[in-house]
N, C-alpha and C. Protein backbone atom coordinates (compact mmCIF):
# COMPACT_ATOMS: atom_id res chain seq x y z
N MET A 1 0.81 -1.19 0.00
CA MET A 1 0.00 0.00 0.00
C MET A 1 0.86 1.27 0.00
N LEU A 2 1.97 1.26 0.73
CA LEU A 2 2.85 2.43 0.75
C LEU A 2 3.42 2.70 -0.63
N ASN A 3 3.79 1.66 -1.35
CA ASN A 3 4.30 1.85 -2.71
C ASN A 3 3.25 2.48 -3.61
N ASP A 4 1.98 2.15 -3.38
CA ASP A 4 0.89 2.77 -4.15
C ASP A 4 0.83 4.28 -3.86
N ILE A 5 1.00 4.65 -2.62
CA ILE A 5 0.98 6.07 -2.25
C ILE A 5 2.15 6.80 -2.89
N LEU A 6 3.31 6.16 -2.91
CA LEU A 6 4.49 6.80 -3.51
C LEU A 6 4.35 6.97 -5.02
N ARG A 7 3.52 6.16 -5.65
CA ARG A 7 3.30 6.29 -7.10
C ARG A 7 2.27 7.36 -7.45
N THR A 8 1.56 7.89 -6.46
CA THR A 8 0.58 8.93 -6.73
C THR A 8 1.28 10.28 -6.81
N THR A 9 0.52 11.31 -7.11
CA THR A 9 1.06 12.67 -7.11
C THR A 9 0.82 13.37 -5.78
N LEU A 10 0.39 12.61 -4.77
CA LEU A 10 0.09 13.18 -3.46
C LEU A 10 1.34 13.69 -2.76
N LEU A 11 2.43 12.93 -2.84
CA LEU A 11 3.67 13.32 -2.18
C LEU A 11 4.66 13.90 -3.17
N ARG A 12 5.47 14.78 -2.68
CA ARG A 12 6.57 15.32 -3.50
C ARG A 12 7.73 14.35 -3.33
N VAL A 13 7.77 13.35 -4.16
CA VAL A 13 8.66 12.21 -4.04
C VAL A 13 10.14 12.59 -3.92
N PRO A 14 10.65 13.65 -4.56
CA PRO A 14 12.07 13.95 -4.38
C PRO A 14 12.49 14.09 -2.91
N HIS A 15 11.57 14.48 -2.04
CA HIS A 15 11.90 14.62 -0.63
C HIS A 15 12.03 13.26 0.06
N PHE A 16 11.62 12.19 -0.62
CA PHE A 16 11.67 10.87 -0.03
C PHE A 16 12.74 9.99 -0.68
N ARG A 17 13.60 10.56 -1.49
CA ARG A 17 14.68 9.77 -2.10
C ARG A 17 15.70 9.44 -1.02
N GLY A 18 16.23 8.23 -1.08
CA GLY A 18 17.24 7.80 -0.12
C GLY A 18 16.66 7.31 1.20
N VAL A 19 15.34 7.16 1.26
CA VAL A 19 14.73 6.68 2.49
C VAL A 19 14.54 5.17 2.43
N GLU A 20 14.41 4.57 3.59
CA GLU A 20 14.16 3.13 3.68
C GLU A 20 12.65 2.92 3.75
N ASN A 21 12.16 1.98 2.96
CA ASN A 21 10.73 1.68 2.88
C ASN A 21 10.49 0.32 3.52
N SER A 22 9.81 0.30 4.67
CA SER A 22 9.52 -0.96 5.35
C SER A 22 8.14 -1.50 4.99
N GLY A 23 7.40 -0.80 4.15
CA GLY A 23 6.05 -1.21 3.80
C GLY A 23 5.00 -0.54 4.67
N PHE A 24 5.38 -0.13 5.88
CA PHE A 24 4.46 0.59 6.75
C PHE A 24 5.05 1.91 7.23
N ALA A 25 6.27 2.23 6.76
CA ALA A 25 6.90 3.50 7.13
C ALA A 25 8.03 3.83 6.17
N LEU A 26 8.30 5.13 6.02
CA LEU A 26 9.46 5.62 5.29
C LEU A 26 10.38 6.27 6.31
N THR A 27 11.63 5.84 6.35
CA THR A 27 12.56 6.34 7.34
C THR A 27 13.85 6.78 6.67
N GLN A 28 14.37 7.93 7.07
CA GLN A 28 15.70 8.35 6.64
C GLN A 28 16.69 7.70 7.58
N PRO A 29 17.73 7.07 7.05
CA PRO A 29 18.68 6.35 7.90
C PRO A 29 19.30 7.22 9.00
N THR A 30 19.39 8.52 8.79
CA THR A 30 20.03 9.40 9.77
C THR A 30 19.09 9.86 10.87
N LEU A 31 17.79 9.54 10.77
CA LEU A 31 16.82 9.97 11.77
C LEU A 31 16.34 8.80 12.61
N SER A 32 15.94 9.09 13.85
CA SER A 32 15.47 8.04 14.75
C SER A 32 13.96 7.84 14.67
N PHE A 33 13.28 8.57 13.80
CA PHE A 33 11.83 8.44 13.67
C PHE A 33 11.49 8.40 12.18
N PRO A 34 10.38 7.75 11.83
CA PRO A 34 10.00 7.69 10.42
C PRO A 34 9.45 9.02 9.92
N LEU A 35 9.60 9.26 8.63
CA LEU A 35 9.03 10.45 8.01
C LEU A 35 7.54 10.27 7.76
N LEU A 36 7.18 9.10 7.28
CA LEU A 36 5.79 8.78 6.97
C LEU A 36 5.49 7.44 7.63
N SER A 37 4.41 7.37 8.36
CA SER A 37 4.07 6.15 9.10
C SER A 37 2.62 5.78 8.90
N GLN A 38 2.33 4.51 9.16
CA GLN A 38 0.95 4.07 9.20
C GLN A 38 0.59 3.83 10.65
N GLY A 39 -0.57 4.31 11.03
CA GLY A 39 -1.03 4.13 12.40
C GLY A 39 -2.54 4.18 12.46
N GLU A 40 -3.05 4.11 13.66
CA GLU A 40 -4.49 4.15 13.86
C GLU A 40 -4.98 5.58 13.94
N HIS A 41 -6.04 5.88 13.21
CA HIS A 41 -6.65 7.21 13.27
C HIS A 41 -7.18 7.42 14.69
N PRO A 42 -6.87 8.56 15.31
CA PRO A 42 -7.25 8.76 16.71
C PRO A 42 -8.75 8.82 16.97
N THR A 43 -9.53 9.17 15.99
CA THR A 43 -10.98 9.26 16.19
C THR A 43 -11.71 8.07 15.58
N LEU A 44 -11.35 7.72 14.36
CA LEU A 44 -12.05 6.66 13.64
C LEU A 44 -11.58 5.26 14.00
N GLY A 45 -10.35 5.16 14.50
CA GLY A 45 -9.81 3.85 14.84
C GLY A 45 -9.44 3.01 13.63
N THR A 46 -9.36 3.62 12.46
CA THR A 46 -9.01 2.91 11.23
C THR A 46 -7.56 3.22 10.86
N PRO A 47 -6.92 2.37 10.07
CA PRO A 47 -5.54 2.65 9.65
C PRO A 47 -5.48 3.93 8.81
N CYS A 48 -4.44 4.70 9.00
CA CYS A 48 -4.23 5.91 8.20
C CYS A 48 -2.73 6.17 8.08
N TRP A 49 -2.38 6.99 7.13
CA TRP A 49 -0.98 7.39 6.94
C TRP A 49 -0.82 8.79 7.48
N TYR A 50 0.34 9.07 8.09
CA TYR A 50 0.58 10.40 8.63
C TYR A 50 2.06 10.76 8.55
N LEU A 51 2.32 12.04 8.42
CA LEU A 51 3.68 12.54 8.51
C LEU A 51 4.04 12.56 9.98
N HIS A 52 5.20 12.04 10.29
CA HIS A 52 5.59 11.93 11.69
C HIS A 52 5.74 13.31 12.32
N PRO A 53 5.17 13.52 13.50
CA PRO A 53 5.15 14.86 14.10
C PRO A 53 6.43 15.29 14.81
N CYS A 54 7.39 14.39 15.02
CA CYS A 54 8.61 14.79 15.71
C CYS A 54 9.27 15.96 14.99
N GLU A 55 9.73 16.89 15.74
CA GLU A 55 10.42 18.08 15.25
C GLU A 55 9.50 19.09 14.58
N THR A 56 8.22 18.80 14.43
CA THR A 56 7.31 19.75 13.79
C THR A 56 7.20 21.03 14.61
N ALA A 57 7.02 20.90 15.92
CA ALA A 57 6.88 22.08 16.78
C ALA A 57 8.12 22.96 16.69
N LYS A 58 9.28 22.33 16.68
CA LYS A 58 10.54 23.09 16.58
C LYS A 58 10.62 23.83 15.24
N ALA A 59 10.22 23.16 14.17
CA ALA A 59 10.25 23.78 12.85
C ALA A 59 9.27 24.94 12.76
N VAL A 60 8.07 24.76 13.33
CA VAL A 60 7.06 25.83 13.33
C VAL A 60 7.57 27.02 14.12
N GLU A 61 8.15 26.77 15.30
CA GLU A 61 8.69 27.86 16.12
C GLU A 61 9.78 28.62 15.38
N GLU A 62 10.63 27.88 14.68
CA GLU A 62 11.71 28.52 13.92
C GLU A 62 11.14 29.41 12.82
N LEU A 63 10.13 28.91 12.11
CA LEU A 63 9.50 29.72 11.07
C LEU A 63 8.82 30.96 11.66
N LEU A 64 8.14 30.78 12.78
CA LEU A 64 7.46 31.93 13.40
C LEU A 64 8.46 32.97 13.88
N GLY A 65 9.67 32.53 14.23
CA GLY A 65 10.72 33.47 14.62
C GLY A 65 11.19 34.32 13.46
N GLU A 66 11.03 33.78 12.25
CA GLU A 66 11.43 34.49 11.03
C GLU A 66 10.23 34.97 10.24
N LYS A 67 9.08 34.97 10.86
CA LYS A 67 7.82 35.13 10.15
C LYS A 67 7.60 36.51 9.53
N GLU A 68 6.75 36.47 8.55
CA GLU A 68 6.22 37.69 7.98
C GLU A 68 5.14 38.19 8.93
N PRO A 69 4.93 39.48 9.02
CA PRO A 69 3.87 39.97 9.90
C PRO A 69 2.52 39.33 9.56
N GLY A 70 1.80 38.90 10.57
CA GLY A 70 0.48 38.32 10.37
C GLY A 70 0.46 36.81 10.24
N TRP A 71 1.63 36.15 10.15
CA TRP A 71 1.64 34.69 10.08
C TRP A 71 1.15 34.11 11.39
N ASN A 72 0.55 32.91 11.30
CA ASN A 72 0.16 32.21 12.52
C ASN A 72 0.68 30.78 12.46
N VAL A 73 0.41 30.03 13.50
CA VAL A 73 0.92 28.66 13.61
C VAL A 73 0.43 27.80 12.45
N ILE A 74 -0.82 27.91 12.08
CA ILE A 74 -1.38 27.10 10.99
C ILE A 74 -0.68 27.39 9.68
N GLU A 75 -0.45 28.65 9.38
CA GLU A 75 0.25 29.01 8.14
C GLU A 75 1.67 28.46 8.12
N ALA A 76 2.35 28.53 9.25
CA ALA A 76 3.71 28.00 9.33
C ALA A 76 3.70 26.48 9.15
N TRP A 77 2.75 25.80 9.78
CA TRP A 77 2.64 24.35 9.65
C TRP A 77 2.35 23.96 8.21
N LEU A 78 1.43 24.66 7.55
CA LEU A 78 1.11 24.37 6.15
C LEU A 78 2.32 24.57 5.25
N LEU A 79 3.12 25.58 5.55
CA LEU A 79 4.32 25.83 4.77
C LEU A 79 5.27 24.64 4.86
N ILE A 80 5.39 24.08 6.05
CA ILE A 80 6.25 22.92 6.25
C ILE A 80 5.69 21.70 5.53
N VAL A 81 4.42 21.42 5.73
CA VAL A 81 3.79 20.23 5.15
C VAL A 81 3.79 20.28 3.63
N ARG A 82 3.56 21.43 3.06
CA ARG A 82 3.48 21.48 1.60
C ARG A 82 4.82 21.25 0.93
N ASN A 83 5.90 21.18 1.70
CA ASN A 83 7.19 20.79 1.14
C ASN A 83 7.24 19.32 0.76
N VAL A 84 6.42 18.49 1.41
CA VAL A 84 6.42 17.07 1.12
C VAL A 84 5.09 16.55 0.59
N VAL A 85 4.01 17.28 0.82
CA VAL A 85 2.68 16.87 0.36
C VAL A 85 2.21 17.86 -0.70
N GLU A 86 1.75 17.34 -1.80
CA GLU A 86 1.25 18.21 -2.88
C GLU A 86 -0.13 18.73 -2.49
N LEU A 87 -0.19 19.99 -2.11
CA LEU A 87 -1.46 20.59 -1.70
C LEU A 87 -2.12 21.38 -2.83
N GLY A 88 -1.57 21.31 -4.01
CA GLY A 88 -2.13 22.06 -5.12
C GLY A 88 -1.48 23.42 -5.23
N ASN A 89 -1.91 24.18 -6.19
CA ASN A 89 -1.38 25.52 -6.41
C ASN A 89 -2.02 26.49 -5.44
N THR A 90 -1.17 27.17 -4.66
CA THR A 90 -1.66 28.18 -3.74
C THR A 90 -0.83 29.43 -3.86
């Protein structure tokens, strides 16, 4: 199933080159946590794929430290996520 996701246009695949694919996660050998994982949806209880949240808060804080006036946490988070997930033209 993970290989099917990688073949779609959902992810910006160049960001996942050089990663290890275990079938249920994509991991960069230099990191202690996976980039993309499969887990249980917290509300629905069904399997879902998610970008691993480790270091997200640190990245958002760093962006907000360099922010344009009027930016908020959601905008900073979307900026980070859209580097690996194709969110369309914005």
